[in-house]
Structure formats: structure tokens, C-alpha cells
Amino acid sequence: MHSPSDDNTLHIASLDDESQQTAILLTVYAMVQGELESRISVEHLIPRLDLPRRDLGARLNDLSVRRWLEVAPGPAAVLDVPGLGRVEAILREGAAALPKPLQGLHQEAHLVFIDRNWEQFRLLRCVHRRVKGLSPPWTDLEEVMKELGMDDPTLDRVMRRCLAMDVLDFPESWSIRLTDLGLETSERWTKKLAQAEEQEPEGREDFEAILTMEWEGRYDAEPLVFKRQGNTWLLVYEGIQKTIQDTVGMGYIAYLLGDPDQELSALDLRDVVAKSNTIRGSHTGKVADDKAVAEYKLRLEQLREAIEDARAMSDTDQLERLAEEEDIILRSISSAIGTGGRRRKTGNIQELARQSVSVAIHRALDQIAAEHPPLGRHLRNSLTIGNFLSYHPDRPTHWVTGS
């Protein structure tokens, strides 16, 4: 086990807010040893980070809004799945991308990450071998502990983490079942390890080497596709290909996938995807000029003509998609022009943008989860949705997106 030493204080008060958030997230991750849902007292963070209580509270609130940490009664900080994804994105970027005070913390977190994923993979691989009939089935958990060389508390901890990460399921008593995501994870790592040597290596060092090579791009990534094709979207993930009806939310998701680990406001995302030329100034300025409003209205006319055509052809799927886009365009016009033709202020439309974009994305995620469950799980774990949106995958990804 690796954990930060109690006398190794991080002096982060002079760092910017984003760096302070990173320091807190990595510190919590290291102190709870990468365990999801494990709590660390806020009182223990104060001496470790040398950050005034008020500033620490503000940064914890920022992390809570992003769903990277939960502030629980106690008070305590709790690591959750989106937070784990963000930690792994930080580790993937490398220590050199961080301010000097955080580079040692990066190494501590990286060692914890390797340990936890190595434990998880060992369990997944054992279950996978039984799925393929390569090993006899277990009769009780004593056999599992003996094969993995883990005591009861360690195995319980690993199982709970696998359950939280949705890679294993435990339908009854001691039985263990791989989920679709767990099967993909096991096969991916087994394949990577097998590429390293003629016989599959067994050691943690081999696992760490393969992980490092993958993060540095020395292994070709499997093709990932999220691409519009007319009125549908082609989705390819974990080798599974599905076609899903177009909706506005699919366009939002595609834009986020194309720019991982970057934040975008809901207002900007809505405008970029709608290809509007809305001009946003300060809270005292106009949010749209006559040209932008005219473009909104032109698109609205085109939509209404398309709706009539779809209604004449009884194309219910197309009608639903067009009606959703019409609603968003109407909201955009309404947000830009108030009663009497007066321009509305930027501050009045932030919440409207958040609501419309969030509803559209959640509707699209429901579609995806119904047709492509592994991709649905990946996106729900990797997307941050709210006033600011982002895609933080748990490993390097390159999506083929666009029309």
C-alpha cells in the first residue's frame, strides 16, 4: 500500500483555484487508497494541504458541483466514479503538467492507481477464465481468496470497487458474474499483456509497463465511432456497432467526445452545435444581434417545412427529432429577445441553456443505454453535465465524430 506521509505538507495556498482543486482531489484519492465511497475527514485534509479552512471549503464545494467529490456529513470528502475518472485523466496528463508542489503527489496517486487496477484486473481475469471454461468453477469464496492470494477484507474491498465500477455483478451469495463492461476490460488487458511476451505475464510490473505504454500512445487505440449519418448516428464502442436515431442531444455528446477533458459552458455548447452566430457580451450587453436572430428564424422556417414533410410521410422518429430541435430554437429566440423586442441580458439565459442542454443530453443517454449498454455506462461515468460540460474518459480515447 502507498499513502502520503503525514509530515509531507503541500503548500498550495498560493496556487490558482484549479490547481487547488487538483491537489485536493489527488490527496483524497491517495489517502483513501483509491477506494470509491471511502470517506476522509476534512479535518485531516487541512494540515495535509496547509490551506485555510474557508478556502478548503470553497474548493470542496467546487469539486462537489463537478461531481468529482461528495461532501458528506462529518464533514467528510467522498470519492465517486466521476472523481475517479478525473483523477485518471490527471495521471494520464503526467506530472510535468502540474505545478511543482503537486508533482510528488502525482507519483503517490499513480502508485495507488496501479495497485488498485492490478487487483481489479486479477479478479476480472480469474472470473473471465471461468466464463471461457478454462478453469473449474469456484465452490466458495475461500477458493477465490486462495487463488488470488487475498485475505477476506482485501477481496471484499476489491469486489466492492468492481461493483461500483460496474465491471462485476454478484447475483446471489458468493457467485460472481462479469458485466459487459467487465468482459471488455478483462479481454482488453489480457490482449495487451499477451502482446508483451509469448506467455501472459503475471506481475504487477508488467501490468504497469503496459498501462504506461497505452497512456503514451504506443499501442493503437481500438476504433471508437460516434458519427452522424443522415438522420441516424453510427456508434461503435467495444467492437459493438449500433445505429441510433438522431436527436439534438446526440450532437451535444459528439462535440464533447471530440474534445476530451475540456470544459464548455452549456450556453456555448448549445450555440456551437446549433451553428448560431450569437454574440455574447457582459451581463450588461446584448446577447444576440439582428443577424443571429435572423439566422435562428430562418432555421425555424426550415424546420417547420421539414416537420410538415415528415408528418405527411408519417415518419414519427423524424418528427420527434425535428420537434426537439424546433423547441430548442424557439427557446434560443426567446432567450435572445424579450417582450417588446428587447434584448435579454446574458445572466437571464444561463439557466435556460443549462436546462435545455441537460434535458437533451440525458434523453440521448437514455437512447444510447437502451441500444448500447456498454457505451451508455461509459458515457454516464465520463460526462459532466450542468452549467459547464465536459468529457473525462477513464483512459485515452480518440473518437471519430462529425457528419
Protein backbone atom coordinates (compact mmCIF):
# COMPACT_ATOMS: atom_id res chain seq x y z
CA MET A 1 0.00 0.00 0.00
CA HIS A 2 1.12 3.52 -0.69
CA SER A 3 -0.12 6.57 1.19
CA PRO A 4 1.06 10.13 1.69
CA SER A 5 3.22 10.69 4.72
CA ASP A 6 1.63 12.80 7.44
CA ASP A 7 4.54 15.26 7.61
CA ASN A 8 4.63 15.87 3.85
CA THR A 9 2.58 19.07 3.82
CA LEU A 10 1.53 20.55 0.48
CA HIS A 11 1.73 24.35 0.39
CA ILE A 12 -0.97 25.17 -2.14
CA ALA A 13 -2.44 28.44 -0.80
CA SER A 14 -0.63 30.44 -3.50
CA LEU A 15 -1.84 28.23 -6.37
CA ASP A 16 -4.84 29.09 -8.53
CA ASP A 17 -8.27 27.61 -7.78
CA GLU A 18 -8.00 24.89 -10.45
CA SER A 19 -4.62 23.68 -9.10
CA GLN A 20 -6.01 23.68 -5.56
CA GLN A 21 -8.92 21.51 -6.72
CA THR A 22 -6.45 19.12 -8.37
CA ALA A 23 -4.39 18.96 -5.16
CA ILE A 24 -7.46 18.16 -3.05
CA LEU A 25 -8.70 15.51 -5.47
CA LEU A 26 -5.33 13.73 -5.70
CA THR A 27 -4.84 13.96 -1.92
CA VAL A 28 -8.24 12.41 -1.18
CA TYR A 29 -7.58 9.70 -3.78
CA ALA A 30 -4.19 8.85 -2.21
CA MET A 31 -5.46 8.98 1.38
CA VAL A 32 -8.44 6.69 0.73
CA GLN A 33 -6.17 4.44 -1.39
CA GLY A 34 -8.33 4.91 -4.46
CA GLU A 35 -11.39 3.34 -2.84
CA LEU A 36 -14.74 4.57 -4.09
CA GLU A 37 -17.19 5.73 -1.42
CA SER A 38 -14.43 5.83 1.22
CA ARG A 39 -14.53 8.93 3.41
CA ILE A 40 -11.71 11.13 4.59
CA SER A 41 -12.29 13.70 7.33
CA VAL A 42 -11.97 17.30 6.22
CA GLU A 43 -10.02 17.88 9.44
CA HIS A 44 -7.32 15.52 8.13
CA LEU A 45 -7.06 17.48 4.89
CA ILE A 46 -6.33 20.85 6.50
CA PRO A 47 -2.82 20.06 7.84
CA ARG A 48 -2.00 17.97 4.78
CA LEU A 49 -2.79 20.82 2.37
CA ASP A 50 -1.89 23.85 4.50
CA LEU A 51 -4.98 25.60 3.14
CA PRO A 52 -7.21 27.90 5.23
CA ARG A 53 -10.48 26.24 6.23
CA ARG A 54 -12.57 28.77 4.29
CA ASP A 55 -10.58 28.24 1.09
CA LEU A 56 -10.70 24.47 1.52
CA GLY A 57 -14.47 24.66 1.93
CA ALA A 58 -14.78 26.70 -1.25
CA ARG A 59 -12.65 24.26 -3.26
CA LEU A 60 -14.60 21.26 -1.88
CA ASN A 61 -17.78 22.97 -2.98
CA ASP A 62 -16.31 23.46 -6.47
CA LEU A 63 -15.44 19.75 -6.64
CA SER A 64 -18.89 18.80 -5.40
CA VAL A 65 -20.56 20.87 -8.14
CA ARG A 66 -18.45 18.99 -10.70
CA ARG A 67 -19.41 15.67 -9.04
CA TRP A 68 -15.74 14.78 -8.55
CA LEU A 69 -16.08 14.66 -4.77
CA GLU A 70 -19.04 14.45 -2.46
CA VAL A 71 -19.03 16.41 0.78
CA ALA A 72 -20.74 14.12 3.27
CA PRO A 73 -21.85 14.62 6.90
CA GLY A 74 -18.96 14.64 9.31
CA PRO A 75 -17.89 16.63 7.36
CA ALA A 76 -16.02 14.26 5.08
CA ALA A 77 -14.90 14.07 1.46
CA VAL A 78 -16.04 11.03 -0.54
CA LEU A 79 -14.53 9.86 -3.84
CA ASP A 80 -17.09 8.90 -6.51
CA VAL A 81 -16.88 7.37 -10.01
CA PRO A 82 -16.70 10.73 -11.91
CA GLY A 83 -13.97 11.81 -9.47
CA LEU A 84 -12.05 8.63 -10.16
CA GLY A 85 -12.28 9.35 -13.88
CA ARG A 86 -10.91 12.85 -13.32
CA VAL A 87 -8.00 11.52 -11.22
CA GLU A 88 -7.07 9.12 -14.00
CA ALA A 89 -7.23 11.94 -16.56
CA ILE A 90 -4.82 13.98 -14.38
CA LEU A 91 -2.47 10.99 -14.04
CA ARG A 92 -2.57 10.43 -17.78
CA GLU A 93 -1.53 14.04 -18.45
CA GLY A 94 1.67 13.44 -16.47
CA ALA A 95 3.39 15.12 -13.53
CA ALA A 96 5.07 17.73 -15.76
CA ALA A 97 1.66 19.28 -16.49
CA LEU A 98 1.19 20.11 -12.79
CA PRO A 99 2.70 22.87 -10.61
CA LYS A 100 5.86 21.73 -8.78
CA PRO A 101 4.19 21.35 -5.36
CA LEU A 102 1.86 18.72 -6.86
CA GLN A 103 4.36 16.59 -8.77
CA GLY A 104 5.24 14.36 -5.80
CA LEU A 105 1.55 13.95 -5.05
CA HIS A 106 1.06 12.84 -8.65
CA GLN A 107 3.52 9.97 -8.09
CA GLU A 108 1.76 8.88 -4.89
CA ALA A 109 -1.59 8.82 -6.66
CA HIS A 110 -0.11 6.96 -9.63
CA LEU A 111 1.20 4.15 -7.39
CA VAL A 112 -2.22 3.80 -5.75
CA PHE A 113 -3.86 3.74 -9.18
CA ILE A 114 -1.60 0.91 -10.40
CA ASP A 115 -2.18 -1.14 -7.24
CA ARG A 116 -5.96 -0.81 -7.40
CA ASN A 117 -6.25 -1.58 -11.09
CA TRP A 118 -3.88 -4.54 -10.79
CA GLU A 119 -6.05 -6.03 -8.04
CA GLN A 120 -9.17 -5.41 -10.07
CA PHE A 121 -7.72 -6.95 -13.21
CA ARG A 122 -6.57 -10.09 -11.37
CA LEU A 123 -10.11 -10.71 -10.15
CA LEU A 124 -11.64 -9.97 -13.55
CA ARG A 125 -9.19 -12.31 -15.27
CA CYS A 126 -10.00 -15.17 -12.88
CA VAL A 127 -13.73 -14.72 -13.45
CA HIS A 128 -13.14 -14.46 -17.21
CA ARG A 129 -11.23 -17.75 -17.29
CA ARG A 130 -14.25 -19.46 -15.76
CA VAL A 131 -16.59 -17.84 -18.26
CA LYS A 132 -14.46 -19.41 -21.02
CA GLY A 133 -14.31 -22.75 -19.24
CA LEU A 134 -10.53 -22.58 -18.84
CA SER A 135 -10.70 -23.09 -15.07
CA PRO A 136 -13.10 -25.08 -12.87
CA PRO A 137 -15.90 -23.09 -11.19
CA TRP A 138 -15.47 -21.90 -7.63
CA THR A 139 -17.47 -23.55 -4.88
CA ASP A 140 -16.96 -20.84 -2.25
CA LEU A 141 -15.07 -17.63 -1.56
CA GLU A 142 -12.27 -19.50 0.21
CA GLU A 143 -11.18 -20.78 -3.20
CA VAL A 144 -11.31 -17.26 -4.63
CA MET A 145 -9.11 -15.87 -1.84
CA LYS A 146 -6.64 -18.74 -2.18
CA GLU A 147 -6.31 -18.34 -5.96
CA LEU A 148 -5.84 -14.57 -5.78
CA GLY A 149 -3.69 -14.59 -2.64
CA MET A 150 -6.01 -12.07 -0.97
CA ASP A 151 -7.38 -12.10 2.55
CA ASP A 152 -11.10 -11.61 3.22
CA PRO A 153 -11.01 -7.80 3.79
CA THR A 154 -8.90 -7.23 0.66
CA LEU A 155 -11.13 -9.38 -1.55
CA ASP A 156 -14.22 -7.68 -0.15
CA ARG A 157 -12.72 -4.27 -0.93
CA VAL A 158 -11.80 -5.28 -4.48
CA MET A 159 -15.25 -6.76 -5.08
CA ARG A 160 -16.99 -3.62 -3.84
CA ARG A 161 -14.82 -1.49 -6.13
CA CYS A 162 -15.59 -3.72 -9.12
CA LEU A 163 -19.29 -3.50 -8.30
CA ALA A 164 -19.14 0.32 -8.10
CA MET A 165 -17.25 0.43 -11.42
CA ASP A 166 -19.93 -1.83 -12.96
CA VAL A 167 -17.45 -4.46 -14.15
CA LEU A 168 -18.70 -7.29 -11.89
CA ASP A 169 -22.08 -8.33 -10.56
CA PHE A 170 -22.94 -10.58 -7.61
CA PRO A 171 -26.40 -12.01 -8.34
CA GLU A 172 -26.55 -14.35 -5.34
CA SER A 173 -24.50 -15.42 -2.29
CA TRP A 174 -20.82 -15.74 -3.34
CA SER A 175 -21.41 -16.11 -7.11
CA ILE A 176 -19.61 -13.63 -9.37
CA ARG A 177 -20.64 -12.56 -12.88
CA LEU A 178 -18.85 -10.35 -15.42
CA THR A 179 -20.84 -7.44 -16.81
CA ASP A 180 -20.40 -6.48 -20.47
CA LEU A 181 -18.00 -3.74 -19.38
CA GLY A 182 -16.07 -6.17 -17.16
CA LEU A 183 -15.71 -8.64 -20.02
CA GLU A 184 -14.37 -5.89 -22.30
CA THR A 185 -11.92 -4.71 -19.62
CA SER A 186 -10.61 -8.23 -18.97
CA GLU A 187 -10.19 -9.01 -22.66
CA ARG A 188 -8.50 -5.66 -23.36
CA TRP A 189 -5.89 -6.07 -20.64
CA THR A 190 -5.31 -9.74 -21.38
CA LYS A 191 -4.67 -8.82 -25.02
CA LYS A 192 -2.27 -6.03 -24.06
CA LEU A 193 -0.33 -8.28 -21.67
CA ALA A 194 -0.17 -11.07 -24.23
CA GLN A 195 1.38 -8.64 -26.71
CA ALA A 196 4.27 -8.04 -24.30
CA GLU A 197 5.51 -11.63 -24.08
CA GLU A 198 4.79 -15.03 -25.59
CA GLN A 199 3.20 -16.13 -22.35
CA GLU A 200 0.97 -13.82 -20.34
CA PRO A 201 2.99 -12.07 -17.62
CA GLU A 202 1.77 -12.31 -14.06
CA GLY A 203 3.49 -9.44 -12.28
CA ARG A 204 2.31 -6.00 -11.30
CA GLU A 205 5.38 -4.52 -13.01
CA ASP A 206 4.27 -5.96 -16.36
CA PHE A 207 0.83 -4.51 -15.84
CA GLU A 208 2.26 -1.08 -15.01
CA ALA A 209 4.50 -1.15 -18.09
CA ILE A 210 1.58 -1.97 -20.38
CA LEU A 211 -0.53 0.75 -18.81
CA THR A 212 2.24 3.30 -19.31
CA MET A 213 2.69 2.27 -22.94
CA GLU A 214 -1.04 2.63 -23.59
CA TRP A 215 -1.19 6.06 -21.97
CA GLU A 216 1.80 7.22 -24.01
CA GLY A 217 0.08 6.10 -27.19
CA ARG A 218 2.47 3.25 -28.03
CA TYR A 219 -0.48 0.93 -28.55
CA ASP A 220 -3.03 1.70 -31.22
CA ALA A 221 -6.40 2.56 -29.71
CA GLU A 222 -9.38 0.48 -30.78
CA PRO A 223 -11.62 2.45 -33.18
CA LEU A 224 -14.37 4.43 -31.44
CA VAL A 225 -17.08 5.99 -33.59
CA PHE A 226 -19.83 8.48 -32.74
CA LYS A 227 -20.74 9.81 -36.16
CA ARG A 228 -23.83 11.29 -37.76
CA GLN A 229 -25.11 9.57 -40.89
CA GLY A 230 -28.09 11.50 -42.20
CA ASN A 231 -30.91 11.12 -39.69
CA THR A 232 -29.08 8.50 -37.62
CA TRP A 233 -25.83 8.13 -35.67
CA LEU A 234 -23.34 5.30 -36.06
CA LEU A 235 -21.94 4.25 -32.67
CA VAL A 236 -19.01 1.85 -32.33
CA TYR A 237 -17.64 1.02 -28.87
CA GLU A 238 -16.02 -2.16 -27.52
CA GLY A 239 -16.38 -3.63 -31.01
CA ILE A 240 -20.18 -3.31 -30.83
CA GLN A 241 -21.84 -1.33 -33.61
CA LYS A 242 -25.27 0.28 -33.26
CA THR A 243 -27.31 2.83 -35.23
CA ILE A 244 -29.44 5.29 -33.26
CA GLN A 245 -31.98 7.90 -34.36
CA ASP A 246 -30.70 11.47 -34.48
CA THR A 247 -31.59 13.91 -31.69
CA VAL A 248 -30.12 17.24 -30.64
CA GLY A 249 -28.56 15.62 -27.56
CA MET A 250 -26.53 13.27 -29.75
CA GLY A 251 -24.90 16.31 -31.36
CA TYR A 252 -24.01 17.74 -27.95
CA ILE A 253 -22.41 14.45 -26.88
CA ALA A 254 -20.45 14.15 -30.14
CA TYR A 255 -18.99 17.63 -29.67
CA LEU A 256 -17.84 16.79 -26.13
CA LEU A 257 -16.33 13.47 -27.24
CA GLY A 258 -14.32 15.29 -29.87
CA ASP A 259 -12.62 17.49 -27.26
CA PRO A 260 -11.96 15.36 -24.14
CA ASP A 261 -11.00 16.90 -20.77
CA GLN A 262 -12.10 20.39 -21.93
CA GLU A 263 -14.92 22.30 -20.25
CA LEU A 264 -17.56 24.20 -22.21
CA SER A 265 -20.48 26.21 -20.85
CA ALA A 266 -23.98 24.99 -21.66
CA LEU A 267 -24.62 28.28 -23.45
CA ASP A 268 -21.55 27.90 -25.68
CA LEU A 269 -22.25 24.22 -26.39
CA ARG A 270 -25.82 25.00 -27.40
CA ASP A 271 -24.71 27.75 -29.75
CA VAL A 272 -21.79 25.83 -31.26
CA VAL A 273 -23.89 22.79 -32.05
CA ALA A 274 -26.74 24.92 -33.41
CA LYS A 275 -24.10 26.73 -35.54
CA SER A 276 -25.50 30.10 -34.49
CA ASN A 277 -23.55 33.35 -34.56
CA THR A 278 -24.90 34.57 -31.25
CA ILE A 279 -22.75 37.37 -29.85
CA ARG A 280 -22.48 37.28 -26.06
CA GLY A 281 -21.03 40.19 -24.17
CA SER A 282 -21.07 41.02 -20.49
CA HIS A 283 -24.16 40.93 -18.29
CA THR A 284 -24.86 44.49 -19.39
CA GLY A 285 -24.59 43.84 -23.12
CA LYS A 286 -26.71 42.30 -25.85
CA VAL A 287 -26.63 38.56 -26.33
CA ALA A 288 -27.62 38.45 -29.97
CA ASP A 289 -27.55 40.82 -32.89
CA ASP A 290 -30.09 41.10 -35.71
CA LYS A 291 -28.12 38.74 -37.95
CA ALA A 292 -28.05 35.98 -35.32
CA VAL A 293 -31.79 36.30 -34.65
CA ALA A 294 -32.48 36.24 -38.40
CA GLU A 295 -30.48 33.00 -38.69
CA TYR A 296 -32.48 31.47 -35.85
CA LYS A 297 -35.73 32.40 -37.61
CA LEU A 298 -34.52 31.06 -40.97
CA ARG A 299 -33.65 27.72 -39.38
CA LEU A 300 -37.08 27.70 -37.70
CA GLU A 301 -38.78 28.09 -41.09
CA GLN A 302 -36.71 25.24 -42.49
CA LEU A 303 -37.60 23.05 -39.53
CA ARG A 304 -41.32 23.71 -39.89
CA GLU A 305 -41.20 22.76 -43.58
CA ALA A 306 -39.35 19.56 -42.67
CA ILE A 307 -41.91 18.83 -39.94
CA GLU A 308 -44.75 19.09 -42.48
CA ASP A 309 -42.91 16.71 -44.82
CA ALA A 310 -42.27 14.22 -42.01
CA ARG A 311 -45.92 14.44 -40.90
CA ALA A 312 -47.09 13.75 -44.45
CA MET A 313 -44.86 10.66 -44.57
CA SER A 314 -45.91 9.54 -41.03
CA ASP A 315 -42.22 9.48 -40.05
CA THR A 316 -42.66 9.59 -36.26
CA ASP A 317 -38.94 9.28 -35.47
CA GLN A 318 -38.08 12.22 -37.71
CA LEU A 319 -41.00 14.22 -36.29
CA GLU A 320 -39.72 13.72 -32.76
CA ARG A 321 -36.18 14.80 -33.67
CA LEU A 322 -37.36 17.87 -35.58
CA ALA A 323 -39.79 18.89 -32.83
CA GLU A 324 -36.98 18.70 -30.29
CA GLU A 325 -34.76 20.95 -32.40
CA GLU A 326 -37.66 23.34 -33.02
CA ASP A 327 -38.19 23.63 -29.26
CA ILE A 328 -34.52 24.47 -28.70
CA ILE A 329 -34.54 27.09 -31.48
CA LEU A 330 -37.68 28.68 -30.02
CA ARG A 331 -36.04 28.81 -26.61
CA SER A 332 -32.95 30.39 -28.16
CA ILE A 333 -35.02 33.10 -29.83
CA SER A 334 -36.97 33.66 -26.64
CA SER A 335 -33.79 33.91 -24.61
CA ALA A 336 -32.30 36.41 -27.02
CA ILE A 337 -35.37 38.64 -27.44
CA GLY A 338 -37.60 39.57 -24.53
CA THR A 339 -41.08 41.07 -24.58
CA GLY A 340 -41.47 44.06 -26.86
CA GLY A 341 -38.42 43.01 -28.88
CA ARG A 342 -35.97 43.99 -26.14
CA ARG A 343 -32.69 42.06 -25.97
CA ARG A 344 -32.33 39.98 -22.83
CA LYS A 345 -29.21 40.05 -20.67
CA THR A 346 -26.76 37.18 -20.62
CA GLY A 347 -27.49 36.49 -16.95
CA ASN A 348 -31.11 35.66 -17.77
CA ILE A 349 -30.33 32.83 -20.19
CA GLN A 350 -27.62 30.81 -18.44
CA GLU A 351 -30.12 28.63 -16.58
CA LEU A 352 -32.30 28.19 -19.66
CA ALA A 353 -29.30 26.93 -21.61
CA ARG A 354 -28.32 24.55 -18.81
CA GLN A 355 -31.83 23.11 -18.66
CA SER A 356 -32.29 22.64 -22.41
CA VAL A 357 -28.83 21.14 -22.98
CA SER A 358 -29.07 18.85 -19.92
CA VAL A 359 -32.51 17.54 -20.91
CA ALA A 360 -31.34 16.88 -24.47
CA ILE A 361 -28.20 15.03 -23.34
CA HIS A 362 -30.00 12.92 -20.73
CA ARG A 363 -32.61 11.97 -23.33
CA ALA A 364 -29.84 10.94 -25.72
CA LEU A 365 -28.09 8.95 -22.97
CA ASP A 366 -31.32 7.05 -22.31
CA GLN A 367 -31.47 6.19 -26.03
CA ILE A 368 -27.86 5.04 -26.05
CA ALA A 369 -28.18 2.99 -22.85
CA ALA A 370 -31.19 1.16 -24.29
CA GLU A 371 -29.43 0.26 -27.54
CA HIS A 372 -25.76 0.07 -26.50
CA PRO A 373 -25.46 -0.59 -22.70
CA PRO A 374 -21.60 -0.60 -22.51
CA LEU A 375 -21.39 2.78 -24.25
CA GLY A 376 -24.25 4.09 -22.11
CA ARG A 377 -22.36 3.18 -18.93
CA HIS A 378 -19.13 4.69 -20.24
CA LEU A 379 -20.77 7.99 -21.12
CA ARG A 380 -22.70 8.29 -17.85
CA ASN A 381 -19.43 7.75 -15.94
CA SER A 382 -17.38 10.11 -18.13
CA LEU A 383 -19.65 13.06 -18.91
CA THR A 384 -20.07 16.02 -16.56
CA ILE A 385 -23.41 17.75 -17.21
CA GLY A 386 -24.52 21.09 -15.78
CA ASN A 387 -23.68 24.77 -16.28
CA PHE A 388 -20.33 23.50 -17.57
CA LEU A 389 -19.97 20.28 -19.52
CA SER A 390 -17.01 18.05 -20.24
CA TYR A 391 -15.96 14.52 -21.18
CA HIS A 392 -13.34 12.90 -18.95
CA PRO A 393 -12.71 9.30 -20.11
CA ASP A 394 -11.02 6.86 -17.74
CA ARG A 395 -8.39 6.02 -20.37
CA PRO A 396 -7.06 7.66 -23.57
CA THR A 397 -9.70 7.74 -26.29
CA HIS A 398 -9.95 9.03 -29.82
CA TRP A 399 -13.46 9.27 -31.23
CA VAL A 400 -14.34 9.54 -34.89
CA THR A 401 -17.09 12.18 -34.80
CA GLY A 402 -18.76 14.60 -37.17
CA SER A 403 -21.14 14.36 -40.07
